N, C-alpha and C. Protein backbone atom coordinates (compact mmCIF):
# COMPACT_ATOMS: atom_id res chain seq x y z
N UNK A 1 -124.02 -134.87 -1.04
CA UNK A 1 -123.27 -135.60 -2.10
C UNK A 1 -122.03 -136.25 -1.50
N UNK A 2 -121.80 -137.44 -2.03
CA UNK A 2 -120.65 -138.10 -1.53
C UNK A 2 -119.36 -137.60 -2.24
N UNK A 3 -118.24 -137.88 -1.58
CA UNK A 3 -116.98 -137.49 -2.14
C UNK A 3 -116.68 -138.05 -3.47
N UNK A 4 -117.15 -139.28 -3.68
CA UNK A 4 -116.94 -139.97 -4.93
C UNK A 4 -117.65 -139.30 -6.10
N UNK A 5 -118.90 -138.83 -5.85
CA UNK A 5 -119.65 -138.13 -6.90
C UNK A 5 -118.99 -136.77 -7.24
N UNK A 6 -118.53 -136.10 -6.20
CA UNK A 6 -117.87 -134.83 -6.38
C UNK A 6 -116.59 -135.01 -7.18
N UNK A 7 -115.82 -136.02 -6.89
CA UNK A 7 -114.57 -136.34 -7.62
C UNK A 7 -114.88 -136.61 -9.09
N UNK A 8 -115.91 -137.46 -9.33
CA UNK A 8 -116.29 -137.76 -10.73
C UNK A 8 -116.72 -136.52 -11.49
N UNK A 9 -117.50 -135.67 -10.85
CA UNK A 9 -117.97 -134.44 -11.49
C UNK A 9 -116.78 -133.57 -11.77
N UNK A 10 -115.86 -133.45 -10.87
CA UNK A 10 -114.67 -132.57 -11.10
C UNK A 10 -113.86 -133.14 -12.27
N UNK A 11 -113.67 -134.46 -12.27
CA UNK A 11 -112.93 -135.13 -13.35
C UNK A 11 -113.59 -134.89 -14.70
N UNK A 12 -114.90 -135.01 -14.81
CA UNK A 12 -115.62 -134.76 -16.00
C UNK A 12 -115.45 -133.30 -16.42
N UNK A 13 -115.50 -132.39 -15.46
CA UNK A 13 -115.34 -130.97 -15.79
C UNK A 13 -113.91 -130.67 -16.31
N UNK A 14 -112.94 -131.28 -15.72
CA UNK A 14 -111.55 -131.11 -16.13
C UNK A 14 -111.36 -131.64 -17.52
N UNK A 15 -111.88 -132.83 -17.79
CA UNK A 15 -111.78 -133.43 -19.15
C UNK A 15 -112.46 -132.57 -20.20
N UNK A 16 -113.66 -132.02 -19.88
CA UNK A 16 -114.38 -131.19 -20.74
C UNK A 16 -113.56 -129.91 -21.08
N UNK A 17 -112.96 -129.30 -20.10
CA UNK A 17 -112.18 -128.10 -20.25
C UNK A 17 -110.97 -128.41 -21.16
N UNK A 18 -110.28 -129.54 -20.89
CA UNK A 18 -109.14 -129.91 -21.71
C UNK A 18 -109.54 -130.14 -23.14
N UNK A 19 -110.62 -130.80 -23.38
CA UNK A 19 -111.08 -131.00 -24.75
C UNK A 19 -111.41 -129.68 -25.43
N UNK A 20 -111.99 -128.76 -24.76
CA UNK A 20 -112.33 -127.43 -25.32
C UNK A 20 -111.08 -126.66 -25.61
N UNK A 21 -110.11 -126.72 -24.73
CA UNK A 21 -108.93 -125.87 -24.86
C UNK A 21 -107.84 -126.55 -25.76
N UNK A 22 -107.93 -127.81 -26.05
CA UNK A 22 -106.84 -128.51 -26.78
C UNK A 22 -106.59 -127.89 -28.20
N UNK A 23 -107.57 -127.51 -28.95
CA UNK A 23 -107.20 -126.93 -30.26
C UNK A 23 -106.45 -125.59 -30.13
N UNK A 24 -106.82 -124.81 -29.12
CA UNK A 24 -106.16 -123.55 -28.89
C UNK A 24 -104.70 -123.76 -28.46
N UNK A 25 -104.48 -124.70 -27.54
CA UNK A 25 -103.12 -124.99 -27.03
C UNK A 25 -102.26 -125.57 -28.16
N UNK A 26 -102.81 -126.44 -28.97
CA UNK A 26 -102.06 -127.09 -30.06
C UNK A 26 -101.71 -126.03 -31.15
N UNK A 27 -102.66 -125.23 -31.54
CA UNK A 27 -102.36 -124.20 -32.54
C UNK A 27 -101.38 -123.19 -32.02
N UNK A 28 -101.44 -122.81 -30.77
CA UNK A 28 -100.48 -121.89 -30.20
C UNK A 28 -99.11 -122.50 -30.19
N UNK A 29 -99.00 -123.78 -29.87
CA UNK A 29 -97.75 -124.47 -29.89
C UNK A 29 -97.13 -124.50 -31.28
N UNK A 30 -97.93 -124.87 -32.32
CA UNK A 30 -97.49 -124.95 -33.65
C UNK A 30 -97.07 -123.56 -34.17
N UNK A 31 -97.85 -122.54 -33.83
CA UNK A 31 -97.50 -121.22 -34.31
C UNK A 31 -96.22 -120.68 -33.62
N UNK A 32 -96.11 -120.93 -32.33
CA UNK A 32 -94.91 -120.43 -31.57
C UNK A 32 -93.62 -120.99 -32.15
N UNK A 33 -93.64 -122.27 -32.48
CA UNK A 33 -92.46 -122.91 -32.97
C UNK A 33 -92.39 -123.00 -34.48
N UNK A 34 -93.30 -122.23 -35.13
CA UNK A 34 -93.34 -122.12 -36.60
C UNK A 34 -93.28 -123.50 -37.25
N UNK A 35 -94.12 -124.40 -36.83
CA UNK A 35 -94.20 -125.71 -37.35
C UNK A 35 -94.89 -125.67 -38.70
N UNK A 36 -94.23 -126.15 -39.67
CA UNK A 36 -94.89 -126.29 -41.03
C UNK A 36 -94.52 -127.65 -41.58
N UNK A 37 -95.49 -128.32 -42.16
CA UNK A 37 -95.23 -129.62 -42.70
C UNK A 37 -94.28 -129.51 -43.92
N UNK A 38 -93.51 -130.59 -44.10
CA UNK A 38 -92.56 -130.60 -45.25
C UNK A 38 -93.27 -130.60 -46.56
N UNK A 39 -94.39 -131.23 -46.58
CA UNK A 39 -95.16 -131.35 -47.89
C UNK A 39 -96.37 -130.42 -47.87
N UNK A 40 -96.43 -129.59 -48.89
CA UNK A 40 -97.58 -128.64 -48.98
C UNK A 40 -98.37 -129.02 -50.24
N UNK A 41 -99.62 -128.64 -50.23
CA UNK A 41 -100.50 -128.94 -51.38
C UNK A 41 -100.22 -128.04 -52.54
N UNK A 42 -99.87 -126.73 -52.29
CA UNK A 42 -99.69 -125.79 -53.38
C UNK A 42 -98.36 -126.00 -54.12
N UNK A 43 -98.38 -125.66 -55.38
CA UNK A 43 -97.20 -125.67 -56.22
C UNK A 43 -96.41 -124.34 -56.07
N UNK A 44 -97.18 -123.26 -56.13
CA UNK A 44 -96.54 -121.93 -56.04
C UNK A 44 -95.91 -121.71 -54.68
N UNK A 45 -95.01 -120.74 -54.66
CA UNK A 45 -94.34 -120.30 -53.40
C UNK A 45 -95.22 -119.30 -52.72
N UNK A 46 -95.70 -119.64 -51.49
CA UNK A 46 -96.50 -118.72 -50.70
C UNK A 46 -95.59 -117.57 -50.23
N UNK A 47 -96.08 -116.35 -50.37
CA UNK A 47 -95.32 -115.21 -49.89
C UNK A 47 -96.04 -114.66 -48.64
N UNK A 48 -95.31 -113.76 -47.97
CA UNK A 48 -95.95 -113.09 -46.86
C UNK A 48 -97.10 -112.24 -47.46
N UNK A 49 -98.31 -112.50 -47.02
CA UNK A 49 -99.44 -111.78 -47.58
C UNK A 49 -99.42 -110.34 -47.22
N UNK A 50 -99.51 -109.47 -48.27
CA UNK A 50 -99.47 -108.01 -48.01
C UNK A 50 -100.29 -107.33 -49.09
N UNK A 51 -101.03 -106.31 -48.71
CA UNK A 51 -101.76 -105.56 -49.76
C UNK A 51 -100.86 -104.75 -50.63
N UNK A 52 -101.13 -104.74 -51.89
CA UNK A 52 -100.34 -103.87 -52.79
C UNK A 52 -100.84 -102.43 -52.63
N UNK A 53 -99.88 -101.49 -52.49
CA UNK A 53 -100.27 -100.15 -52.17
C UNK A 53 -99.93 -99.15 -53.36
N UNK A 54 -98.95 -99.42 -54.14
CA UNK A 54 -98.49 -98.52 -55.15
C UNK A 54 -99.49 -98.31 -56.26
N UNK A 55 -99.27 -97.26 -57.00
CA UNK A 55 -100.14 -96.93 -58.17
C UNK A 55 -99.27 -97.02 -59.46
N UNK A 56 -99.96 -97.08 -60.61
CA UNK A 56 -99.36 -97.11 -61.91
C UNK A 56 -100.35 -96.54 -62.90
N UNK A 57 -100.11 -96.74 -64.16
CA UNK A 57 -101.02 -96.15 -65.19
C UNK A 57 -101.60 -97.26 -66.06
N UNK A 58 -102.92 -97.23 -66.22
CA UNK A 58 -103.60 -98.13 -67.18
C UNK A 58 -103.27 -97.58 -68.57
N UNK A 59 -102.60 -98.33 -69.42
CA UNK A 59 -102.23 -97.93 -70.76
C UNK A 59 -103.48 -97.72 -71.61
N UNK A 60 -104.47 -98.62 -71.50
CA UNK A 60 -105.59 -98.55 -72.44
C UNK A 60 -106.35 -97.24 -72.34
N UNK A 61 -106.57 -96.73 -71.12
CA UNK A 61 -107.35 -95.49 -71.02
C UNK A 61 -106.61 -94.36 -70.28
N UNK A 62 -105.30 -94.61 -69.97
CA UNK A 62 -104.46 -93.60 -69.33
C UNK A 62 -104.99 -93.10 -67.99
N UNK A 63 -105.63 -94.03 -67.25
CA UNK A 63 -106.15 -93.74 -65.96
C UNK A 63 -105.16 -94.27 -64.89
N UNK A 64 -105.32 -93.91 -63.65
CA UNK A 64 -104.45 -94.39 -62.56
C UNK A 64 -104.88 -95.79 -62.17
N UNK A 65 -103.95 -96.71 -62.12
CA UNK A 65 -104.24 -98.09 -61.68
C UNK A 65 -103.98 -98.14 -60.18
N UNK A 66 -105.02 -98.54 -59.42
CA UNK A 66 -104.92 -98.54 -57.98
C UNK A 66 -105.25 -99.95 -57.43
N UNK A 67 -104.99 -100.18 -56.19
CA UNK A 67 -105.22 -101.44 -55.50
C UNK A 67 -106.67 -101.84 -55.64
N UNK A 68 -107.59 -100.89 -55.63
CA UNK A 68 -109.02 -101.25 -55.65
C UNK A 68 -109.39 -101.99 -56.94
N UNK A 69 -108.64 -101.88 -58.01
CA UNK A 69 -108.93 -102.57 -59.25
C UNK A 69 -108.49 -104.03 -59.15
N UNK A 70 -107.89 -104.42 -58.07
CA UNK A 70 -107.56 -105.84 -57.82
C UNK A 70 -108.57 -106.50 -56.96
N UNK A 71 -109.47 -105.79 -56.41
CA UNK A 71 -110.43 -106.31 -55.47
C UNK A 71 -111.58 -107.05 -56.20
N UNK A 72 -111.97 -108.14 -55.61
CA UNK A 72 -113.13 -108.93 -56.09
C UNK A 72 -112.75 -109.91 -57.17
N UNK A 73 -111.51 -110.02 -57.51
CA UNK A 73 -111.06 -110.98 -58.62
C UNK A 73 -109.67 -111.47 -58.33
N UNK A 74 -109.38 -112.69 -58.67
CA UNK A 74 -108.04 -113.20 -58.58
C UNK A 74 -107.26 -112.64 -59.71
N UNK A 75 -105.97 -112.36 -59.54
CA UNK A 75 -105.11 -111.81 -60.56
C UNK A 75 -103.86 -112.59 -60.76
N UNK A 76 -103.54 -112.90 -62.03
CA UNK A 76 -102.20 -113.39 -62.37
C UNK A 76 -101.45 -112.26 -62.97
N UNK A 77 -100.21 -112.05 -62.55
CA UNK A 77 -99.49 -110.84 -62.90
C UNK A 77 -98.05 -111.19 -63.30
N UNK A 78 -97.60 -110.56 -64.36
CA UNK A 78 -96.18 -110.62 -64.73
C UNK A 78 -95.57 -109.23 -64.73
N UNK A 79 -94.28 -109.19 -64.57
CA UNK A 79 -93.56 -107.90 -64.72
C UNK A 79 -92.55 -108.11 -65.88
N UNK A 80 -92.62 -107.23 -66.85
CA UNK A 80 -91.68 -107.39 -67.96
C UNK A 80 -91.58 -106.12 -68.83
N UNK A 81 -90.62 -106.12 -69.72
CA UNK A 81 -90.36 -105.01 -70.60
C UNK A 81 -91.48 -104.92 -71.64
N UNK A 82 -91.72 -103.69 -72.15
CA UNK A 82 -92.64 -103.51 -73.28
C UNK A 82 -92.15 -104.20 -74.52
N UNK A 83 -90.86 -104.49 -74.60
CA UNK A 83 -90.30 -105.22 -75.70
C UNK A 83 -90.85 -106.63 -75.83
N UNK A 84 -91.06 -107.24 -74.68
CA UNK A 84 -91.66 -108.58 -74.51
C UNK A 84 -90.98 -109.63 -75.40
N UNK A 85 -89.85 -110.13 -74.86
CA UNK A 85 -89.08 -111.17 -75.58
C UNK A 85 -89.87 -112.52 -75.51
N UNK A 86 -89.17 -113.55 -75.93
CA UNK A 86 -89.84 -114.87 -76.04
C UNK A 86 -90.35 -115.33 -74.65
N UNK A 87 -89.58 -115.15 -73.58
CA UNK A 87 -90.01 -115.67 -72.32
C UNK A 87 -91.25 -114.83 -71.80
N UNK A 88 -91.23 -113.55 -72.09
CA UNK A 88 -92.38 -112.70 -71.71
C UNK A 88 -93.62 -113.20 -72.37
N UNK A 89 -93.52 -113.50 -73.72
CA UNK A 89 -94.67 -114.00 -74.42
C UNK A 89 -95.11 -115.38 -73.93
N UNK A 90 -94.14 -116.19 -73.52
CA UNK A 90 -94.51 -117.49 -72.90
C UNK A 90 -95.34 -117.29 -71.63
N UNK A 91 -94.95 -116.31 -70.79
CA UNK A 91 -95.68 -116.08 -69.56
C UNK A 91 -97.10 -115.58 -69.87
N UNK A 92 -97.21 -114.71 -70.88
CA UNK A 92 -98.53 -114.24 -71.25
C UNK A 92 -99.41 -115.39 -71.70
N UNK A 93 -98.77 -116.27 -72.47
CA UNK A 93 -99.49 -117.49 -72.97
C UNK A 93 -99.96 -118.36 -71.82
N UNK A 94 -99.04 -118.60 -70.87
CA UNK A 94 -99.38 -119.46 -69.73
C UNK A 94 -100.50 -118.86 -68.95
N UNK A 95 -100.44 -117.55 -68.68
CA UNK A 95 -101.51 -116.90 -67.90
C UNK A 95 -102.85 -117.03 -68.65
N UNK A 96 -102.85 -116.85 -69.93
CA UNK A 96 -104.11 -116.97 -70.75
C UNK A 96 -104.62 -118.38 -70.63
N UNK A 97 -103.80 -119.37 -70.81
CA UNK A 97 -104.25 -120.75 -70.79
C UNK A 97 -104.74 -121.16 -69.40
N UNK A 98 -104.04 -120.71 -68.35
CA UNK A 98 -104.46 -121.07 -66.98
C UNK A 98 -105.78 -120.47 -66.69
N UNK A 99 -106.05 -119.25 -67.15
CA UNK A 99 -107.32 -118.60 -66.96
C UNK A 99 -108.44 -119.40 -67.68
N UNK A 100 -108.15 -119.70 -68.92
CA UNK A 100 -109.20 -120.48 -69.74
C UNK A 100 -109.45 -121.86 -69.12
N UNK A 101 -108.41 -122.49 -68.53
CA UNK A 101 -108.60 -123.81 -67.96
C UNK A 101 -109.51 -123.79 -66.72
N UNK A 102 -109.86 -122.62 -66.20
CA UNK A 102 -110.72 -122.58 -65.07
C UNK A 102 -112.21 -122.68 -65.50
N UNK A 103 -112.44 -122.81 -66.78
CA UNK A 103 -113.79 -122.99 -67.38
C UNK A 103 -114.79 -122.01 -66.87
N UNK A 104 -115.84 -122.41 -66.17
CA UNK A 104 -116.90 -121.57 -65.76
C UNK A 104 -116.39 -120.46 -64.77
N UNK A 105 -115.27 -120.74 -64.14
CA UNK A 105 -114.71 -119.74 -63.14
C UNK A 105 -113.69 -118.81 -63.81
N UNK A 106 -113.50 -118.85 -65.10
CA UNK A 106 -112.50 -118.05 -65.75
C UNK A 106 -112.72 -116.52 -65.55
N UNK A 107 -113.94 -116.12 -65.42
CA UNK A 107 -114.25 -114.71 -65.19
C UNK A 107 -113.88 -114.20 -63.80
N UNK A 108 -113.49 -115.16 -62.95
CA UNK A 108 -113.03 -114.79 -61.60
C UNK A 108 -111.52 -114.51 -61.57
N UNK A 109 -110.88 -114.56 -62.77
CA UNK A 109 -109.44 -114.42 -62.89
C UNK A 109 -109.12 -113.35 -63.96
N UNK A 110 -108.21 -112.45 -63.65
CA UNK A 110 -107.79 -111.51 -64.61
C UNK A 110 -106.29 -111.59 -64.80
N UNK A 111 -105.79 -111.11 -65.92
CA UNK A 111 -104.36 -111.18 -66.29
C UNK A 111 -103.80 -109.74 -66.34
N UNK A 112 -102.63 -109.56 -65.72
CA UNK A 112 -102.05 -108.19 -65.64
C UNK A 112 -100.59 -108.31 -66.10
N UNK A 113 -100.19 -107.32 -66.92
CA UNK A 113 -98.80 -107.21 -67.37
C UNK A 113 -98.34 -105.85 -66.87
N UNK A 114 -97.46 -105.89 -65.88
CA UNK A 114 -96.86 -104.64 -65.37
C UNK A 114 -95.62 -104.40 -66.27
N UNK A 115 -95.64 -103.27 -66.99
CA UNK A 115 -94.55 -102.95 -67.89
C UNK A 115 -93.57 -102.08 -67.18
N UNK A 116 -92.31 -102.56 -67.06
CA UNK A 116 -91.32 -101.86 -66.22
C UNK A 116 -90.34 -100.95 -66.97
N UNK A 117 -90.67 -100.60 -68.21
CA UNK A 117 -89.86 -99.63 -68.94
C UNK A 117 -90.75 -98.83 -69.90
N UNK A 118 -90.07 -98.03 -70.76
CA UNK A 118 -90.88 -97.18 -71.65
C UNK A 118 -90.80 -97.65 -73.08
N UNK A 119 -90.47 -98.93 -73.28
CA UNK A 119 -90.44 -99.47 -74.66
C UNK A 119 -91.84 -99.61 -75.19
N UNK A 120 -92.06 -99.12 -76.42
CA UNK A 120 -93.40 -99.14 -77.06
C UNK A 120 -93.81 -100.62 -77.24
N UNK A 121 -95.05 -100.87 -76.92
CA UNK A 121 -95.58 -102.22 -77.10
C UNK A 121 -95.86 -102.58 -78.58
N UNK A 122 -95.56 -103.87 -78.87
CA UNK A 122 -95.78 -104.40 -80.22
C UNK A 122 -97.29 -104.64 -80.30
N UNK A 123 -98.01 -103.96 -81.24
CA UNK A 123 -99.46 -104.14 -81.34
C UNK A 123 -99.87 -105.59 -81.59
N UNK A 124 -99.05 -106.36 -82.28
CA UNK A 124 -99.36 -107.78 -82.57
C UNK A 124 -99.39 -108.58 -81.24
N UNK A 125 -98.42 -108.29 -80.36
CA UNK A 125 -98.43 -109.04 -79.09
C UNK A 125 -99.66 -108.56 -78.24
N UNK A 126 -99.93 -107.32 -78.19
CA UNK A 126 -101.12 -106.81 -77.49
C UNK A 126 -102.39 -107.45 -77.97
N UNK A 127 -102.50 -107.58 -79.32
CA UNK A 127 -103.71 -108.14 -79.91
C UNK A 127 -103.76 -109.69 -79.60
N UNK A 128 -102.62 -110.33 -79.66
CA UNK A 128 -102.59 -111.77 -79.44
C UNK A 128 -102.99 -112.14 -78.00
N UNK A 129 -102.69 -111.24 -77.08
CA UNK A 129 -103.04 -111.52 -75.65
C UNK A 129 -104.09 -110.54 -75.17
N UNK A 130 -104.97 -110.22 -76.03
CA UNK A 130 -106.06 -109.29 -75.73
C UNK A 130 -106.75 -109.77 -74.46
N UNK A 131 -107.14 -108.84 -73.61
CA UNK A 131 -107.80 -109.16 -72.36
C UNK A 131 -106.80 -109.03 -71.17
N UNK A 132 -105.49 -108.99 -71.51
CA UNK A 132 -104.53 -108.77 -70.45
C UNK A 132 -104.50 -107.27 -70.14
N UNK A 133 -104.59 -106.91 -68.90
CA UNK A 133 -104.51 -105.47 -68.53
C UNK A 133 -103.06 -105.06 -68.64
N UNK A 134 -102.87 -103.96 -69.33
CA UNK A 134 -101.52 -103.42 -69.58
C UNK A 134 -101.33 -102.19 -68.69
N UNK A 135 -100.38 -102.38 -67.75
CA UNK A 135 -100.17 -101.34 -66.74
C UNK A 135 -98.72 -100.85 -66.81
N UNK A 136 -98.53 -99.57 -67.02
CA UNK A 136 -97.23 -98.97 -67.10
C UNK A 136 -96.75 -98.64 -65.64
N UNK A 137 -95.75 -99.28 -65.24
CA UNK A 137 -95.27 -99.14 -63.84
C UNK A 137 -93.83 -98.65 -63.75
N UNK A 138 -93.23 -98.22 -64.89
CA UNK A 138 -91.89 -97.75 -64.91
C UNK A 138 -91.72 -96.60 -63.91
N UNK A 139 -90.74 -96.70 -63.04
CA UNK A 139 -90.44 -95.64 -62.07
C UNK A 139 -91.40 -95.52 -60.92
N UNK A 140 -92.35 -96.47 -60.80
CA UNK A 140 -93.41 -96.42 -59.73
C UNK A 140 -93.01 -97.34 -58.58
N UNK A 141 -93.46 -96.94 -57.38
CA UNK A 141 -93.22 -97.70 -56.20
C UNK A 141 -93.85 -99.13 -56.26
N UNK A 142 -94.88 -99.24 -57.06
CA UNK A 142 -95.58 -100.51 -57.16
C UNK A 142 -94.61 -101.62 -57.56
N UNK A 143 -93.66 -101.37 -58.39
CA UNK A 143 -92.66 -102.43 -58.82
C UNK A 143 -91.91 -102.97 -57.66
N UNK A 144 -91.59 -102.17 -56.68
CA UNK A 144 -90.76 -102.60 -55.55
C UNK A 144 -91.54 -103.50 -54.56
N UNK A 145 -92.82 -103.67 -54.71
CA UNK A 145 -93.61 -104.48 -53.86
C UNK A 145 -93.63 -105.98 -54.20
N UNK A 146 -92.96 -106.33 -55.31
CA UNK A 146 -92.95 -107.71 -55.72
C UNK A 146 -91.61 -108.37 -55.47
N UNK A 147 -91.52 -109.26 -54.43
CA UNK A 147 -90.25 -109.90 -54.14
C UNK A 147 -89.84 -110.90 -55.29
N UNK A 148 -88.57 -111.07 -55.42
CA UNK A 148 -88.08 -111.99 -56.46
C UNK A 148 -86.86 -112.69 -56.01
N UNK A 149 -86.48 -113.76 -56.72
CA UNK A 149 -85.27 -114.51 -56.39
C UNK A 149 -84.13 -113.92 -57.19
N UNK A 150 -84.08 -114.05 -58.50
CA UNK A 150 -83.03 -113.45 -59.31
C UNK A 150 -83.51 -112.24 -60.07
N UNK A 151 -84.73 -112.27 -60.61
CA UNK A 151 -85.25 -111.17 -61.45
C UNK A 151 -86.79 -111.25 -61.35
N UNK A 152 -87.39 -110.06 -61.26
CA UNK A 152 -88.85 -110.00 -61.20
C UNK A 152 -89.45 -110.62 -62.50
N UNK A 153 -88.75 -110.49 -63.58
CA UNK A 153 -89.29 -111.03 -64.84
C UNK A 153 -89.41 -112.56 -64.87
N UNK A 154 -88.73 -113.20 -63.87
CA UNK A 154 -88.78 -114.68 -63.81
C UNK A 154 -90.12 -115.19 -63.34
N UNK A 155 -90.89 -114.41 -62.59
CA UNK A 155 -92.04 -114.95 -61.87
C UNK A 155 -93.39 -114.58 -62.51
N UNK A 156 -94.36 -115.45 -62.16
CA UNK A 156 -95.75 -115.09 -62.38
C UNK A 156 -96.34 -115.02 -60.96
N UNK A 157 -96.92 -113.89 -60.64
CA UNK A 157 -97.44 -113.63 -59.27
C UNK A 157 -98.93 -113.82 -59.23
N UNK A 158 -99.41 -114.18 -58.01
CA UNK A 158 -100.84 -114.31 -57.78
C UNK A 158 -101.32 -113.31 -56.72
N UNK A 159 -102.37 -112.58 -57.04
CA UNK A 159 -102.93 -111.58 -56.08
C UNK A 159 -104.33 -112.08 -55.78
N UNK A 160 -104.67 -112.11 -54.51
CA UNK A 160 -105.99 -112.57 -54.07
C UNK A 160 -107.05 -111.49 -54.30
N UNK A 161 -108.35 -111.85 -54.15
CA UNK A 161 -109.47 -110.87 -54.38
C UNK A 161 -109.52 -109.72 -53.34
N UNK A 162 -108.67 -109.73 -52.39
CA UNK A 162 -108.61 -108.59 -51.46
C UNK A 162 -107.48 -107.60 -51.85
N UNK A 163 -106.80 -107.93 -52.95
CA UNK A 163 -105.71 -107.06 -53.40
C UNK A 163 -104.40 -107.33 -52.72
N UNK A 164 -104.26 -108.59 -52.15
CA UNK A 164 -103.00 -108.99 -51.46
C UNK A 164 -102.14 -109.82 -52.34
N UNK A 165 -100.87 -109.48 -52.45
CA UNK A 165 -99.90 -110.39 -53.08
C UNK A 165 -99.71 -111.56 -52.18
N UNK A 166 -99.87 -112.80 -52.73
CA UNK A 166 -99.82 -113.93 -51.85
C UNK A 166 -98.99 -115.09 -52.36
N UNK A 167 -98.67 -115.15 -53.67
CA UNK A 167 -97.94 -116.33 -54.20
C UNK A 167 -97.17 -115.91 -55.42
N UNK A 168 -96.10 -116.70 -55.70
CA UNK A 168 -95.38 -116.48 -56.97
C UNK A 168 -94.93 -117.85 -57.45
N UNK A 169 -94.79 -117.92 -58.82
CA UNK A 169 -94.32 -119.15 -59.45
C UNK A 169 -92.91 -118.91 -59.97
N UNK A 170 -92.10 -120.00 -60.06
CA UNK A 170 -90.75 -119.84 -60.48
C UNK A 170 -90.65 -119.68 -62.02
N UNK A 171 -89.46 -119.41 -62.47
CA UNK A 171 -89.20 -119.32 -63.88
C UNK A 171 -89.54 -120.68 -64.55
N UNK A 172 -90.06 -120.69 -65.74
CA UNK A 172 -90.48 -121.88 -66.45
C UNK A 172 -91.37 -122.78 -65.58
N UNK A 173 -92.52 -122.25 -65.12
CA UNK A 173 -93.36 -123.03 -64.25
C UNK A 173 -94.10 -124.14 -65.00
N UNK A 174 -94.64 -125.08 -64.20
CA UNK A 174 -95.42 -126.19 -64.76
C UNK A 174 -96.88 -125.72 -64.80
N UNK A 175 -97.41 -125.47 -66.00
CA UNK A 175 -98.77 -124.95 -66.08
C UNK A 175 -99.84 -125.85 -65.47
N UNK A 176 -99.68 -127.14 -65.58
CA UNK A 176 -100.65 -128.08 -65.02
C UNK A 176 -100.76 -127.90 -63.52
N UNK A 177 -99.63 -127.74 -62.86
CA UNK A 177 -99.64 -127.54 -61.42
C UNK A 177 -100.22 -126.18 -61.07
N UNK A 178 -99.93 -125.19 -61.90
CA UNK A 178 -100.55 -123.86 -61.68
C UNK A 178 -102.06 -123.89 -61.82
N UNK A 179 -102.54 -124.65 -62.78
CA UNK A 179 -103.99 -124.80 -62.95
C UNK A 179 -104.58 -125.38 -61.69
N UNK A 180 -103.95 -126.43 -61.12
CA UNK A 180 -104.45 -127.06 -59.94
C UNK A 180 -104.48 -126.08 -58.75
N UNK A 181 -103.42 -125.32 -58.60
CA UNK A 181 -103.38 -124.30 -57.54
C UNK A 181 -104.56 -123.33 -57.65
N UNK A 182 -104.70 -122.80 -58.86
CA UNK A 182 -105.77 -121.83 -59.04
C UNK A 182 -107.18 -122.41 -58.87
N UNK A 183 -107.38 -123.65 -59.31
CA UNK A 183 -108.66 -124.32 -59.09
C UNK A 183 -108.96 -124.41 -57.58
N UNK A 184 -107.93 -124.78 -56.82
CA UNK A 184 -108.11 -124.88 -55.34
C UNK A 184 -108.40 -123.50 -54.75
N UNK A 185 -107.69 -122.51 -55.17
CA UNK A 185 -107.92 -121.15 -54.62
C UNK A 185 -109.34 -120.67 -54.97
N UNK A 186 -109.81 -120.90 -56.15
CA UNK A 186 -111.14 -120.47 -56.56
C UNK A 186 -112.17 -121.26 -55.76
N UNK A 187 -111.91 -122.53 -55.54
CA UNK A 187 -112.89 -123.35 -54.83
C UNK A 187 -112.97 -122.92 -53.36
N UNK A 188 -111.82 -122.52 -52.76
CA UNK A 188 -111.82 -122.18 -51.40
C UNK A 188 -112.14 -120.74 -51.09
N UNK A 189 -112.14 -119.89 -52.14
CA UNK A 189 -112.40 -118.45 -51.92
C UNK A 189 -113.85 -118.24 -51.65
N UNK A 190 -114.12 -117.20 -50.88
CA UNK A 190 -115.51 -116.89 -50.47
C UNK A 190 -116.31 -116.31 -51.59
N UNK A 191 -117.58 -116.66 -51.62
CA UNK A 191 -118.41 -116.15 -52.78
C UNK A 191 -118.48 -114.61 -52.87
N UNK A 192 -118.31 -113.90 -51.74
CA UNK A 192 -118.43 -112.45 -51.81
C UNK A 192 -117.29 -111.80 -52.56
N UNK A 193 -116.19 -112.59 -52.81
CA UNK A 193 -115.08 -112.01 -53.54
C UNK A 193 -115.50 -111.94 -55.03
């Protein structure tokens, strides 16, 4: 073989190797320098993904609420008092409407209200937002697993079908944008969830 053919073959091999390695090199570079675009698609604030570990009590049947009850379904969750003031009821309403807006996928979403005190629930509110899981978490470690800006009561949290806390919405969120976020999440989630 002539030197020219060997040189061409080597050049082709080098180009092929560079093409194969380029995605790895680029992703390593972006990860190392924590490059994130200024504009993101999601409305909610992405959190460090972590599995929820704590336990609490299901009010409906007085059983232990565990992480495994979060698996296989997306969860919208609020933390609030059993008193449930106006803003608490607004969050319950928003969660219900966002779930209903998912149409055929609504059964892939559950609503959870973590109650952070021992105030007796108003039966009218419970009935009005029937279908919301009522979880007594007062004094439980589970409450400390939800990061917040000013107050945990301000946020609506999203938990993925693996039981991981992954997103939160600010106080007085835009429901239309939340619906869009959840539609994208449901579309992108794997069928086995």
